[in-house]
Each structure stands twice: as structure tokens, then as C-alpha cells.
Amino acid sequence: MADINVALHVQVEALPGKEEEVAAFLREGLAVVQEEPGTVAWFAVRLSPSTFAIFDAFPDDDARQAHLAGRLGSALMERADELFAQPPSVERLDVLAHKLS
């Protein structure tokens, strides 16, 4: 079983009319994070018609930092003004327990 100790919860609110573009951006992000060996789990979810979230988990803070500095994190921030009503909300979490399979 993978060792998971830290995580991220990122929430974004799509600009009006950009909801499907945000959904597509998040779906495309899966291919990027699949290349990150330190990203143990990654989920992109829709919370409401215009609110989306990402939950991802890592073995340690080095892997979390690598993810934040990686291609998807950079693209998220670069496209924030174009896609989101406000800057992404990024919460750093400590994982207390987990089950992956």
C-alpha cells in the first residue's frame, strides 16, 4: 500500500460560461499528473455546476511541493484569470488515514 501523509485540496469557481472549459482542463490534467511519481492519488471533481475541486495525495511534502511546482500547478495559475472567478483556493492537508483499494 502506498505511503500517504500529506495532501492538497484545491477549489476553483469557473467564470460564467467557462464551466465546460474548466471541466476539460481538469480532465486533461490527468495525463500530466500520471507522469508524477510522487502523486499517489489525484481526483478532479465537480461540486456544483460552476464549482470544481482537486484532491491529491503524496507520501511527503517534497512530493507535494514538486507537484505544486509542476506542469499542472503552473498551468492552473497561468490560466486562473481566464477561467476562474477568483484565484484557486489551495489547502495543504495532513492525511490521518486512507484507503486506496
PDB file of N, CA and C in Angstrom:
ATOM      1  N   MET A   1       0.848  -1.180   0.000  1.00  0.00           N
ATOM      2  CA  MET A   1       0.000   0.000   0.000  1.00  0.00           C
ATOM      3  C   MET A   1       0.892   1.241   0.000  1.00  0.00           C
ATOM      4  N   ALA A   2       0.502   2.246  -0.741  1.00  0.00           N
ATOM      5  CA  ALA A   2       1.265   3.489  -0.841  1.00  0.00           C
ATOM      6  C   ALA A   2       1.259   4.239   0.483  1.00  0.00           C
ATOM      7  N   ASP A   3       2.388   4.827   0.784  1.00  0.00           N
ATOM      8  CA  ASP A   3       2.512   5.651   1.978  1.00  0.00           C
ATOM      9  C   ASP A   3       1.979   7.043   1.646  1.00  0.00           C
ATOM     10  N   ILE A   4       0.947   7.481   2.328  1.00  0.00           N
ATOM     11  CA  ILE A   4       0.342   8.790   2.077  1.00  0.00           C
ATOM     12  C   ILE A   4       0.286   9.548   3.391  1.00  0.00           C
ATOM     13  N   ASN A   5       0.936  10.707   3.410  1.00  0.00           N
ATOM     14  CA  ASN A   5       0.987  11.503   4.634  1.00  0.00           C
ATOM     15  C   ASN A   5       0.455  12.920   4.480  1.00  0.00           C
ATOM     16  N   VAL A   6       0.500  13.454   3.268  1.00  0.00           N
ATOM     17  CA  VAL A   6       0.049  14.824   3.042  1.00  0.00           C
ATOM     18  C   VAL A   6      -0.802  14.881   1.779  1.00  0.00           C
ATOM     19  N   ALA A   7      -1.597  15.948   1.662  1.00  0.00           N
ATOM     20  CA  ALA A   7      -2.498  16.080   0.522  1.00  0.00           C
ATOM     21  C   ALA A   7      -2.731  17.553   0.213  1.00  0.00           C
ATOM     22  N   LEU A   8      -3.448  17.774  -0.865  1.00  0.00           N
ATOM     23  CA  LEU A   8      -3.901  19.108  -1.253  1.00  0.00           C
ATOM     24  C   LEU A   8      -5.387  19.046  -1.563  1.00  0.00           C
ATOM     25  N   HIS A   9      -6.087  20.113  -1.227  1.00  0.00           N
ATOM     26  CA  HIS A   9      -7.465  20.316  -1.668  1.00  0.00           C
ATOM     27  C   HIS A   9      -7.473  21.674  -2.356  1.00  0.00           C
ATOM     28  N   VAL A  10      -7.771  21.672  -3.642  1.00  0.00           N
ATOM     29  CA  VAL A  10      -7.794  22.900  -4.440  1.00  0.00           C
ATOM     30  C   VAL A  10      -9.217  23.095  -4.934  1.00  0.00           C
ATOM     31  N   GLN A  11      -9.776  24.268  -4.696  1.00  0.00           N
ATOM     32  CA  GLN A  11     -11.137  24.548  -5.149  1.00  0.00           C
ATOM     33  C   GLN A  11     -11.122  25.762  -6.063  1.00  0.00           C
ATOM     34  N   VAL A  12     -11.887  25.675  -7.146  1.00  0.00           N
ATOM     35  CA  VAL A  12     -11.986  26.775  -8.103  1.00  0.00           C
ATOM     36  C   VAL A  12     -13.447  27.008  -8.470  1.00  0.00           C
ATOM     37  N   GLU A  13     -13.744  28.249  -8.775  1.00  0.00           N
ATOM     38  CA  GLU A  13     -15.073  28.657  -9.235  1.00  0.00           C
ATOM     39  C   GLU A  13     -14.917  29.163 -10.663  1.00  0.00           C
ATOM     40  N   ALA A  14     -15.582  28.503 -11.611  1.00  0.00           N
ATOM     41  CA  ALA A  14     -15.471  28.888 -13.016  1.00  0.00           C
ATOM     42  C   ALA A  14     -16.153  30.224 -13.269  1.00  0.00           C
ATOM     43  N   LEU A  15     -15.567  30.995 -14.163  1.00  0.00           N
ATOM     44  CA  LEU A  15     -16.242  32.194 -14.645  1.00  0.00           C
ATOM     45  C   LEU A  15     -17.509  31.768 -15.388  1.00  0.00           C
ATOM     46  N   PRO A  16     -18.549  32.601 -15.385  1.00  0.00           N
ATOM     47  CA  PRO A  16     -19.761  32.261 -16.140  1.00  0.00           C
ATOM     48  C   PRO A  16     -19.420  31.968 -17.604  1.00  0.00           C
ATOM     49  N   GLY A  17     -19.928  30.871 -18.109  1.00  0.00           N
ATOM     50  CA  GLY A  17     -19.671  30.473 -19.483  1.00  0.00           C
ATOM     51  C   GLY A  17     -18.394  29.666 -19.674  1.00  0.00           C
ATOM     52  N   LYS A  18     -17.588  29.522 -18.642  1.00  0.00           N
ATOM     53  CA  LYS A  18     -16.315  28.793 -18.737  1.00  0.00           C
ATOM     54  C   LYS A  18     -16.368  27.420 -18.059  1.00  0.00           C
ATOM     55  N   GLU A  19     -17.539  27.014 -17.596  1.00  0.00           N
ATOM     56  CA  GLU A  19     -17.660  25.782 -16.820  1.00  0.00           C
ATOM     57  C   GLU A  19     -17.143  24.551 -17.569  1.00  0.00           C
ATOM     58  N   GLU A  20     -17.528  24.394 -18.815  1.00  0.00           N
ATOM     59  CA  GLU A  20     -17.097  23.205 -19.563  1.00  0.00           C
ATOM     60  C   GLU A  20     -15.623  23.284 -19.928  1.00  0.00           C
ATOM     61  N   GLU A  21     -15.109  24.486 -20.107  1.00  0.00           N
ATOM     62  CA  GLU A  21     -13.677  24.649 -20.372  1.00  0.00           C
ATOM     63  C   GLU A  21     -12.858  24.258 -19.137  1.00  0.00           C
ATOM     64  N   VAL A  22     -13.351  24.623 -17.951  1.00  0.00           N
ATOM     65  CA  VAL A  22     -12.680  24.219 -16.710  1.00  0.00           C
ATOM     66  C   VAL A  22     -12.733  22.698 -16.576  1.00  0.00           C
ATOM     67  N   ALA A  23     -13.885  22.097 -16.834  1.00  0.00           N
ATOM     68  CA  ALA A  23     -14.011  20.639 -16.746  1.00  0.00           C
ATOM     69  C   ALA A  23     -13.028  19.951 -17.698  1.00  0.00           C
ATOM     70  N   ALA A  24     -12.917  20.453 -18.915  1.00  0.00           N
ATOM     71  CA  ALA A  24     -11.984  19.871 -19.889  1.00  0.00           C
ATOM     72  C   ALA A  24     -10.537  20.045 -19.433  1.00  0.00           C
ATOM     73  N   PHE A  25     -10.206  21.214 -18.904  1.00  0.00           N
ATOM     74  CA  PHE A  25      -8.856  21.474 -18.390  1.00  0.00           C
ATOM     75  C   PHE A  25      -8.504  20.460 -17.304  1.00  0.00           C
ATOM     76  N   LEU A  26      -9.434  20.214 -16.397  1.00  0.00           N
ATOM     77  CA  LEU A  26      -9.175  19.267 -15.313  1.00  0.00           C
ATOM     78  C   LEU A  26      -9.049  17.837 -15.843  1.00  0.00           C
ATOM     79  N   ARG A  27      -9.895  17.458 -16.781  1.00  0.00           N
ATOM     80  CA  ARG A  27      -9.787  16.112 -17.363  1.00  0.00           C
ATOM     81  C   ARG A  27      -8.425  15.920 -18.029  1.00  0.00           C
ATOM     82  N   GLU A  28      -7.983  16.934 -18.755  1.00  0.00           N
ATOM     83  CA  GLU A  28      -6.685  16.865 -19.433  1.00  0.00           C
ATOM     84  C   GLU A  28      -5.532  16.819 -18.430  1.00  0.00           C
ATOM     85  N   GLY A  29      -5.759  17.341 -17.228  1.00  0.00           N
ATOM     86  CA  GLY A  29      -4.721  17.334 -16.199  1.00  0.00           C
ATOM     87  C   GLY A  29      -4.327  15.941 -15.755  1.00  0.00           C
ATOM     88  N   LEU A  30      -5.207  14.971 -15.924  1.00  0.00           N
ATOM     89  CA  LEU A  30      -4.897  13.604 -15.508  1.00  0.00           C
ATOM     90  C   LEU A  30      -3.633  13.085 -16.196  1.00  0.00           C
ATOM     91  N   ALA A  31      -3.490  13.335 -17.484  1.00  0.00           N
ATOM     92  CA  ALA A  31      -2.306  12.863 -18.213  1.00  0.00           C
ATOM     93  C   ALA A  31      -1.029  13.471 -17.642  1.00  0.00           C
ATOM     94  N   VAL A  32      -1.112  14.701 -17.191  1.00  0.00           N
ATOM     95  CA  VAL A  32       0.057  15.375 -16.617  1.00  0.00           C
ATOM     96  C   VAL A  32       0.439  14.737 -15.289  1.00  0.00           C
ATOM     97  N   VAL A  33      -0.515  14.550 -14.397  1.00  0.00           N
ATOM     98  CA  VAL A  33      -0.184  14.014 -13.073  1.00  0.00           C
ATOM     99  C   VAL A  33       0.181  12.532 -13.130  1.00  0.00           C
ATOM    100  N   GLN A  34      -0.231  11.827 -14.165  1.00  0.00           N
ATOM    101  CA  GLN A  34       0.183  10.427 -14.303  1.00  0.00           C
ATOM    102  C   GLN A  34       1.691  10.315 -14.492  1.00  0.00           C
ATOM    103  N   GLU A  35       2.338  11.390 -14.909  1.00  0.00           N
ATOM    104  CA  GLU A  35       3.793  11.415 -15.090  1.00  0.00           C
ATOM    105  C   GLU A  35       4.531  11.769 -13.800  1.00  0.00           C
ATOM    106  N   GLU A  36       3.820  12.072 -12.726  1.00  0.00           N
ATOM    107  CA  GLU A  36       4.427  12.474 -11.458  1.00  0.00           C
ATOM    108  C   GLU A  36       4.480  11.276 -10.506  1.00  0.00           C
ATOM    109  N   PRO A  37       5.641  10.686 -10.306  1.00  0.00           N
ATOM    110  CA  PRO A  37       5.716   9.504  -9.446  1.00  0.00           C
ATOM    111  C   PRO A  37       5.329   9.778  -7.995  1.00  0.00           C
ATOM    112  N   GLY A  38       5.471  11.014  -7.538  1.00  0.00           N
ATOM    113  CA  GLY A  38       5.142  11.341  -6.157  1.00  0.00           C
ATOM    114  C   GLY A  38       3.677  11.646  -5.908  1.00  0.00           C
ATOM    115  N   THR A  39       2.886  11.771  -6.976  1.00  0.00           N
ATOM    116  CA  THR A  39       1.446  11.997  -6.809  1.00  0.00           C
ATOM    117  C   THR A  39       0.771  10.631  -6.756  1.00  0.00           C
ATOM    118  N   VAL A  40       0.441  10.203  -5.537  1.00  0.00           N
ATOM    119  CA  VAL A  40      -0.080   8.854  -5.299  1.00  0.00           C
ATOM    120  C   VAL A  40      -1.555   8.745  -5.681  1.00  0.00           C
ATOM    121  N   ALA A  41      -2.314   9.794  -5.423  1.00  0.00           N
ATOM    122  CA  ALA A  41      -3.744   9.806  -5.758  1.00  0.00           C
ATOM    123  C   ALA A  41      -4.103  11.199  -6.255  1.00  0.00           C
ATOM    124  N   TRP A  42      -4.993  11.267  -7.239  1.00  0.00           N
ATOM    125  CA  TRP A  42      -5.408  12.553  -7.801  1.00  0.00           C
ATOM    126  C   TRP A  42      -6.849  12.415  -8.271  1.00  0.00           C
ATOM    127  N   PHE A  43      -7.693  13.321  -7.814  1.00  0.00           N
ATOM    128  CA  PHE A  43      -9.104  13.329  -8.198  1.00  0.00           C
ATOM    129  C   PHE A  43      -9.499  14.743  -8.593  1.00  0.00           C
ATOM    130  N   ALA A  44     -10.153  14.892  -9.733  1.00  0.00           N
ATOM    131  CA  ALA A  44     -10.776  16.150 -10.129  1.00  0.00           C
ATOM    132  C   ALA A  44     -12.280  15.917 -10.052  1.00  0.00           C
ATOM    133  N   VAL A  45     -12.992  16.795  -9.355  1.00  0.00           N
ATOM    134  CA  VAL A  45     -14.426  16.599  -9.136  1.00  0.00           C
ATOM    135  C   VAL A  45     -15.188  17.896  -9.387  1.00  0.00           C
ATOM    136  N   ARG A  46     -16.464  17.733  -9.686  1.00  0.00           N
ATOM    137  CA  ARG A  46     -17.361  18.877  -9.843  1.00  0.00           C
ATOM    138  C   ARG A  46     -18.264  18.902  -8.619  1.00  0.00           C
ATOM    139  N   LEU A  47     -18.245  20.022  -7.899  1.00  0.00           N
ATOM    140  CA  LEU A  47     -19.047  20.160  -6.684  1.00  0.00           C
ATOM    141  C   LEU A  47     -20.417  20.766  -6.960  1.00  0.00           C
ATOM    142  N   SER A  48     -20.505  21.582  -7.989  1.00  0.00           N
ATOM    143  CA  SER A  48     -21.757  22.207  -8.417  1.00  0.00           C
ATOM    144  C   SER A  48     -21.567  22.557  -9.888  1.00  0.00           C
ATOM    145  N   PRO A  49     -22.569  23.123 -10.555  1.00  0.00           N
ATOM    146  CA  PRO A  49     -22.389  23.429 -11.970  1.00  0.00           C
ATOM    147  C   PRO A  49     -21.149  24.281 -12.280  1.00  0.00           C
ATOM    148  N   SER A  50     -20.738  25.140 -11.342  1.00  0.00           N
ATOM    149  CA  SER A  50     -19.598  26.018 -11.621  1.00  0.00           C
ATOM    150  C   SER A  50     -18.438  25.877 -10.636  1.00  0.00           C
ATOM    151  N   THR A  51     -18.551  24.985  -9.665  1.00  0.00           N
ATOM    152  CA  THR A  51     -17.503  24.817  -8.654  1.00  0.00           C
ATOM    153  C   THR A  51     -16.830  23.462  -8.828  1.00  0.00           C
ATOM    154  N   PHE A  52     -15.506  23.485  -8.855  1.00  0.00           N
ATOM    155  CA  PHE A  52     -14.705  22.288  -9.083  1.00  0.00           C
ATOM    156  C   PHE A  52     -13.660  22.169  -7.986  1.00  0.00           C
ATOM    157  N   ALA A  53     -13.159  20.956  -7.803  1.00  0.00           N
ATOM    158  CA  ALA A  53     -12.105  20.754  -6.815  1.00  0.00           C
ATOM    159  C   ALA A  53     -11.151  19.670  -7.294  1.00  0.00           C
ATOM    160  N   ILE A  54      -9.943  19.747  -6.768  1.00  0.00           N
ATOM    161  CA  ILE A  54      -8.933  18.711  -6.968  1.00  0.00           C
ATOM    162  C   ILE A  54      -8.509  18.245  -5.584  1.00  0.00           C
ATOM    163  N   PHE A  55      -8.438  16.938  -5.408  1.00  0.00           N
ATOM    164  CA  PHE A  55      -7.853  16.365  -4.197  1.00  0.00           C
ATOM    165  C   PHE A  55      -6.719  15.473  -4.655  1.00  0.00           C
ATOM    166  N   ASP A  56      -5.530  15.713  -4.139  1.00  0.00           N
ATOM    167  CA  ASP A  56      -4.402  14.861  -4.474  1.00  0.00           C
ATOM    168  C   ASP A  56      -3.594  14.557  -3.230  1.00  0.00           C
ATOM    169  N   ALA A  57      -2.918  13.405  -3.248  1.00  0.00           N
ATOM    170  CA  ALA A  57      -2.228  12.918  -2.056  1.00  0.00           C
ATOM    171  C   ALA A  57      -0.803  12.497  -2.397  1.00  0.00           C
ATOM    172  N   PHE A  58       0.066  12.612  -1.385  1.00  0.00           N
ATOM    173  CA  PHE A  58       1.501  12.432  -1.581  1.00  0.00           C
ATOM    174  C   PHE A  58       2.131  11.737  -0.372  1.00  0.00           C
ATOM    175  N   PRO A  59       3.268  11.083  -0.580  1.00  0.00           N
ATOM    176  CA  PRO A  59       3.940  10.451   0.555  1.00  0.00           C
ATOM    177  C   PRO A  59       4.585  11.455   1.505  1.00  0.00           C
ATOM    178  N   ASP A  60       5.008  12.608   0.964  1.00  0.00           N
ATOM    179  CA  ASP A  60       5.709  13.587   1.798  1.00  0.00           C
ATOM    180  C   ASP A  60       5.600  14.980   1.184  1.00  0.00           C
ATOM    181  N   ASP A  61       6.101  15.961   1.922  1.00  0.00           N
ATOM    182  CA  ASP A  61       5.987  17.342   1.462  1.00  0.00           C
ATOM    183  C   ASP A  61       6.846  17.615   0.232  1.00  0.00           C
ATOM    184  N   ASP A  62       7.959  16.909   0.066  1.00  0.00           N
ATOM    185  CA  ASP A  62       8.777  17.097  -1.138  1.00  0.00           C
ATOM    186  C   ASP A  62       7.976  16.749  -2.391  1.00  0.00           C
ATOM    187  N   ALA A  63       7.236  15.652  -2.347  1.00  0.00           N
ATOM    188  CA  ALA A  63       6.406  15.256  -3.492  1.00  0.00           C
ATOM    189  C   ALA A  63       5.284  16.263  -3.719  1.00  0.00           C
ATOM    190  N   ARG A  64       4.701  16.762  -2.628  1.00  0.00           N
ATOM    191  CA  ARG A  64       3.640  17.768  -2.750  1.00  0.00           C
ATOM    192  C   ARG A  64       4.196  19.037  -3.382  1.00  0.00           C
ATOM    193  N   GLN A  65       5.366  19.477  -2.940  1.00  0.00           N
ATOM    194  CA  GLN A  65       5.991  20.684  -3.494  1.00  0.00           C
ATOM    195  C   GLN A  65       6.333  20.490  -4.970  1.00  0.00           C
ATOM    196  N   ALA A  66       6.829  19.298  -5.324  1.00  0.00           N
ATOM    197  CA  ALA A  66       7.145  19.012  -6.727  1.00  0.00           C
ATOM    198  C   ALA A  66       5.887  19.105  -7.582  1.00  0.00           C
ATOM    199  N   HIS A  67       4.780  18.612  -7.065  1.00  0.00           N
ATOM    200  CA  HIS A  67       3.511  18.691  -7.794  1.00  0.00           C
ATOM    201  C   HIS A  67       3.075  20.148  -7.971  1.00  0.00           C
ATOM    202  N   LEU A  68       3.142  20.919  -6.902  1.00  0.00           N
ATOM    203  CA  LEU A  68       2.737  22.329  -6.978  1.00  0.00           C
ATOM    204  C   LEU A  68       3.590  23.106  -7.975  1.00  0.00           C
ATOM    205  N   ALA A  69       4.863  22.760  -8.066  1.00  0.00           N
ATOM    206  CA  ALA A  69       5.775  23.447  -8.983  1.00  0.00           C
ATOM    207  C   ALA A  69       5.757  22.833 -10.379  1.00  0.00           C
ATOM    208  N   GLY A  70       5.008  21.753 -10.557  1.00  0.00           N
ATOM    209  CA  GLY A  70       4.989  21.027 -11.823  1.00  0.00           C
ATOM    210  C   GLY A  70       4.105  21.655 -12.883  1.00  0.00           C
ATOM    211  N   ARG A  71       3.925  20.925 -13.965  1.00  0.00           N
ATOM    212  CA  ARG A  71       3.215  21.439 -15.141  1.00  0.00           C
ATOM    213  C   ARG A  71       1.764  21.797 -14.861  1.00  0.00           C
ATOM    214  N   LEU A  72       1.047  20.945 -14.113  1.00  0.00           N
ATOM    215  CA  LEU A  72      -0.374  21.227 -13.888  1.00  0.00           C
ATOM    216  C   LEU A  72      -0.561  22.416 -12.960  1.00  0.00           C
ATOM    217  N   GLY A  73       0.222  22.472 -11.886  1.00  0.00           N
ATOM    218  CA  GLY A  73       0.129  23.608 -10.971  1.00  0.00           C
ATOM    219  C   GLY A  73       0.430  24.920 -11.670  1.00  0.00           C
ATOM    220  N   SER A  74       1.445  24.904 -12.520  1.00  0.00           N
ATOM    221  CA  SER A  74       1.804  26.107 -13.272  1.00  0.00           C
ATOM    222  C   SER A  74       0.691  26.499 -14.236  1.00  0.00           C
ATOM    223  N   ALA A  75       0.147  25.523 -14.948  1.00  0.00           N
ATOM    224  CA  ALA A  75      -0.930  25.809 -15.903  1.00  0.00           C
ATOM    225  C   ALA A  75      -2.172  26.332 -15.192  1.00  0.00           C
ATOM    226  N   LEU A  76      -2.470  25.779 -14.024  1.00  0.00           N
ATOM    227  CA  LEU A  76      -3.628  26.226 -13.245  1.00  0.00           C
ATOM    228  C   LEU A  76      -3.499  27.709 -12.912  1.00  0.00           C
ATOM    229  N   MET A  77      -2.334  28.110 -12.447  1.00  0.00           N
ATOM    230  CA  MET A  77      -2.129  29.512 -12.078  1.00  0.00           C
ATOM    231  C   MET A  77      -2.051  30.414 -13.307  1.00  0.00           C
ATOM    232  N   GLU A  78      -1.437  29.930 -14.380  1.00  0.00           N
ATOM    233  CA  GLU A  78      -1.329  30.729 -15.605  1.00  0.00           C
ATOM    234  C   GLU A  78      -2.697  31.026 -16.215  1.00  0.00           C
ATOM    235  N   ARG A  79      -3.625  30.095 -16.103  1.00  0.00           N
ATOM    236  CA  ARG A  79      -4.942  30.262 -16.729  1.00  0.00           C
ATOM    237  C   ARG A  79      -6.003  30.760 -15.763  1.00  0.00           C
ATOM    238  N   ALA A  80      -5.610  31.074 -14.533  1.00  0.00           N
ATOM    239  CA  ALA A  80      -6.575  31.453 -13.499  1.00  0.00           C
ATOM    240  C   ALA A  80      -7.439  32.641 -13.924  1.00  0.00           C
ATOM    241  N   ASP A  81      -6.844  33.704 -14.434  1.00  0.00           N
ATOM    242  CA  ASP A  81      -7.617  34.898 -14.805  1.00  0.00           C
ATOM    243  C   ASP A  81      -8.604  34.612 -15.930  1.00  0.00           C
ATOM    244  N   GLU A  82      -8.236  33.715 -16.809  1.00  0.00           N
ATOM    245  CA  GLU A  82      -9.058  33.382 -17.972  1.00  0.00           C
ATOM    246  C   GLU A  82     -10.225  32.449 -17.622  1.00  0.00           C
ATOM    247  N   LEU A  83     -10.038  31.584 -16.618  1.00  0.00           N
ATOM    248  CA  LEU A  83     -11.027  30.541 -16.328  1.00  0.00           C
ATOM    249  C   LEU A  83     -11.812  30.720 -15.038  1.00  0.00           C
ATOM    250  N   PHE A  84     -11.213  31.366 -14.026  1.00  0.00           N
ATOM    251  CA  PHE A  84     -11.785  31.338 -12.685  1.00  0.00           C
ATOM    252  C   PHE A  84     -12.269  32.702 -12.211  1.00  0.00           C
ATOM    253  N   ALA A  85     -13.340  32.680 -11.429  1.00  0.00           N
ATOM    254  CA  ALA A  85     -13.920  33.906 -10.881  1.00  0.00           C
ATOM    255  C   ALA A  85     -13.032  34.519  -9.805  1.00  0.00           C
ATOM    256  N   GLN A  86     -12.200  33.715  -9.183  1.00  0.00           N
ATOM    257  CA  GLN A  86     -11.253  34.178  -8.160  1.00  0.00           C
ATOM    258  C   GLN A  86     -10.060  33.229  -8.188  1.00  0.00           C
ATOM    259  N   PRO A  87      -8.960  33.598  -7.557  1.00  0.00           N
ATOM    260  CA  PRO A  87      -7.799  32.702  -7.553  1.00  0.00           C
ATOM    261  C   PRO A  87      -8.146  31.354  -6.909  1.00  0.00           C
ATOM    262  N   PRO A  88      -7.508  30.279  -7.369  1.00  0.00           N
ATOM    263  CA  PRO A  88      -7.757  28.970  -6.761  1.00  0.00           C
ATOM    264  C   PRO A  88      -7.464  28.988  -5.263  1.00  0.00           C
ATOM    265  N   SER A  89      -8.306  28.313  -4.501  1.00  0.00           N
ATOM    266  CA  SER A  89      -8.097  28.140  -3.062  1.00  0.00           C
ATOM    267  C   SER A  89      -7.308  26.844  -2.874  1.00  0.00           C
ATOM    268  N   VAL A  90      -6.116  26.945  -2.287  1.00  0.00           N
ATOM    269  CA  VAL A  90      -5.241  25.784  -2.110  1.00  0.00           C
ATOM    270  C   VAL A  90      -5.050  25.533  -0.622  1.00  0.00           C
ATOM    271  N   GLU A  91      -5.497  24.365  -0.168  1.00  0.00           N
ATOM    272  CA  GLU A  91      -5.334  23.980   1.236  1.00  0.00           C
ATOM    273  C   GLU A  91      -4.364  22.809   1.320  1.00  0.00           C
ATOM    274  N   ARG A  92      -3.385  22.931   2.205  1.00  0.00           N
ATOM    275  CA  ARG A  92      -2.437  21.846   2.474  1.00  0.00           C
ATOM    276  C   ARG A  92      -2.987  21.032   3.634  1.00  0.00           C
ATOM    277  N   LEU A  93      -3.077  19.729   3.437  1.00  0.00           N
ATOM    278  CA  LEU A  93      -3.700  18.841   4.408  1.00  0.00           C
ATOM    279  C   LEU A  93      -2.706  17.801   4.917  1.00  0.00           C
ATOM    280  N   ASP A  94      -2.901  17.360   6.149  1.00  0.00           N
ATOM    281  CA  ASP A  94      -2.201  16.201   6.695  1.00  0.00           C
ATOM    282  C   ASP A  94      -3.171  15.031   6.649  1.00  0.00           C
ATOM    283  N   VAL A  95      -2.758  13.916   6.092  1.00  0.00           N
ATOM    284  CA  VAL A  95      -3.608  12.737   5.971  1.00  0.00           C
ATOM    285  C   VAL A  95      -3.503  11.913   7.252  1.00  0.00           C
ATOM    286  N   LEU A  96      -4.635  11.657   7.866  1.00  0.00           N
ATOM    287  CA  LEU A  96      -4.683  10.874   9.101  1.00  0.00           C
ATOM    288  C   LEU A  96      -4.851   9.380   8.828  1.00  0.00           C
ATOM    289  N   ALA A  97      -5.626   9.047   7.810  1.00  0.00           N
ATOM    290  CA  ALA A  97      -5.860   7.651   7.436  1.00  0.00           C
ATOM    291  C   ALA A  97      -6.308   7.631   5.984  1.00  0.00           C
ATOM    292  N   HIS A  98      -6.123   6.499   5.318  1.00  0.00           N
ATOM    293  CA  HIS A  98      -6.531   6.403   3.917  1.00  0.00           C
ATOM    294  C   HIS A  98      -6.798   4.957   3.520  1.00  0.00           C
ATOM    295  N   LYS A  99      -7.554   4.822   2.424  1.00  0.00           N
ATOM    296  CA  LYS A  99      -7.788   3.535   1.775  1.00  0.00           C
ATOM    297  C   LYS A  99      -7.852   3.809   0.282  1.00  0.00           C
ATOM    298  N   LEU A 100      -7.031   3.132  -0.493  1.00  0.00           N
ATOM    299  CA  LEU A 100      -6.997   3.360  -1.932  1.00  0.00           C
ATOM    300  C   LEU A 100      -7.580   2.208  -2.745  1.00  0.00           C
ATOM    301  N   SER A 101      -7.656   1.029  -2.202  1.00  0.00           N
ATOM    302  CA  SER A 101      -8.188  -0.085  -2.997  1.00  0.00           C
ATOM    303  C   SER A 101      -9.161  -0.908  -2.187  1.00  0.00           C
TER     304      SER A 101
END
